[in-house]
Amino acid sequence: MLTLRKTLDAIALLLGLWLVISAATLLPSESTLVMGSLIAFGLLVIAFSLWGEAEQSHAAPELLNVILGGLIFITPWVLGFPDQM
């Protein structure tokens, strides 16, 4: 069980890095709201996954990453990303 949690935290860390790098490099400079929110979400995913790596006895980092994943999913509709592109 411990190795599964470490693996999932490592995957979350890589996905957070991918979110930050892709937002910083692939988005046009005019879409600052989109870029800023995706970078902030990516940094939070990275922070929660590092917290999960450090504290193996707590389930809070995994739960927060699940909630954050849901927020990342609904963000385009809430902030109106299609209207800005």
Protein backbone atom coordinates (compact mmCIF):
# COMPACT_ATOMS: atom_id res chain seq x y z
CA MET A 1 0.00 0.00 0.00
CA LEU A 2 2.86 2.33 0.79
CA THR A 3 4.50 1.89 -2.61
CA LEU A 4 1.17 2.53 -4.35
CA ARG A 5 0.80 5.84 -2.50
CA LYS A 6 4.38 6.82 -3.37
CA THR A 7 3.73 5.95 -7.01
CA LEU A 8 0.52 7.97 -7.10
CA ASP A 9 2.24 10.93 -5.45
CA ALA A 10 5.04 10.74 -8.03
CA ILE A 11 2.48 10.68 -10.85
CA ALA A 12 0.67 13.68 -9.34
CA LEU A 13 3.99 15.51 -9.08
CA LEU A 14 4.73 14.89 -12.76
CA LEU A 15 1.23 15.97 -13.79
CA GLY A 16 1.59 19.16 -11.74
CA LEU A 17 4.90 19.91 -13.43
CA TRP A 18 3.32 19.23 -16.81
CA LEU A 19 0.45 21.59 -16.00
CA VAL A 20 2.81 24.41 -15.01
CA ILE A 21 5.17 23.94 -17.96
CA SER A 22 2.41 23.59 -20.54
CA ALA A 23 0.57 26.65 -19.23
CA ALA A 24 3.74 28.72 -19.30
CA THR A 25 4.90 27.64 -22.76
CA LEU A 26 1.85 26.76 -24.86
CA LEU A 27 -0.63 29.50 -24.02
CA PRO A 28 -0.54 32.88 -25.75
CA SER A 29 0.60 35.82 -23.65
CA GLU A 30 -2.82 37.52 -23.92
CA SER A 31 -4.57 34.84 -21.85
CA THR A 32 -3.16 35.82 -18.46
CA LEU A 33 -6.21 34.57 -16.51
CA VAL A 34 -5.95 31.13 -18.07
CA MET A 35 -2.20 30.96 -17.62
CA GLY A 36 -2.26 32.23 -14.06
CA SER A 37 -4.96 29.87 -12.89
CA LEU A 38 -3.36 26.82 -14.51
CA ILE A 39 0.05 27.66 -13.06
CA ALA A 40 -1.49 28.17 -9.62
CA PHE A 41 -3.34 24.84 -9.84
CA GLY A 42 -0.17 23.11 -11.02
CA LEU A 43 1.84 24.51 -8.13
CA LEU A 44 -0.84 23.36 -5.69
CA VAL A 45 -0.78 19.85 -7.19
CA ILE A 46 3.00 19.81 -6.81
CA ALA A 47 2.77 21.02 -3.19
CA PHE A 48 0.12 18.43 -2.25
CA SER A 49 2.04 15.61 -3.90
CA LEU A 50 5.24 16.59 -2.08
CA TRP A 51 3.25 16.75 1.15
CA GLY A 52 1.92 13.28 0.39
CA GLU A 53 5.46 12.01 -0.13
CA ALA A 54 6.58 13.45 3.21
CA GLU A 55 3.54 12.42 5.29
CA GLN A 56 2.73 8.84 4.37
CA SER A 57 0.31 8.36 7.27
CA HIS A 58 -2.12 11.09 6.23
CA ALA A 59 -4.79 10.82 3.55
CA ALA A 60 -5.31 14.60 3.39
CA PRO A 61 -2.87 15.29 0.51
CA GLU A 62 -4.52 12.66 -1.68
CA LEU A 63 -7.99 13.98 -0.87
CA LEU A 64 -6.90 17.54 -1.61
CA ASN A 65 -5.42 16.43 -4.95
CA VAL A 66 -8.73 14.78 -5.86
CA ILE A 67 -10.64 17.96 -4.99
CA LEU A 68 -8.10 20.02 -6.90
CA GLY A 69 -8.48 17.73 -9.91
CA GLY A 70 -12.22 18.40 -9.89
CA LEU A 71 -11.56 22.14 -9.72
CA ILE A 72 -9.11 21.90 -12.62
CA PHE A 73 -11.78 20.05 -14.61
CA ILE A 74 -14.53 22.67 -14.09
CA THR A 75 -12.29 25.75 -14.32
CA PRO A 76 -12.70 26.27 -18.10
CA TRP A 77 -16.46 26.62 -17.73
CA VAL A 78 -16.34 28.70 -14.56
CA LEU A 79 -13.77 31.21 -15.81
CA GLY A 80 -14.98 31.19 -19.42
CA PHE A 81 -11.75 30.07 -21.07
CA PRO A 82 -13.34 29.49 -24.52
CA ASP A 83 -14.41 33.14 -24.61
CA GLN A 84 -10.83 34.29 -23.99
CA MET A 85 -9.08 32.16 -26.60
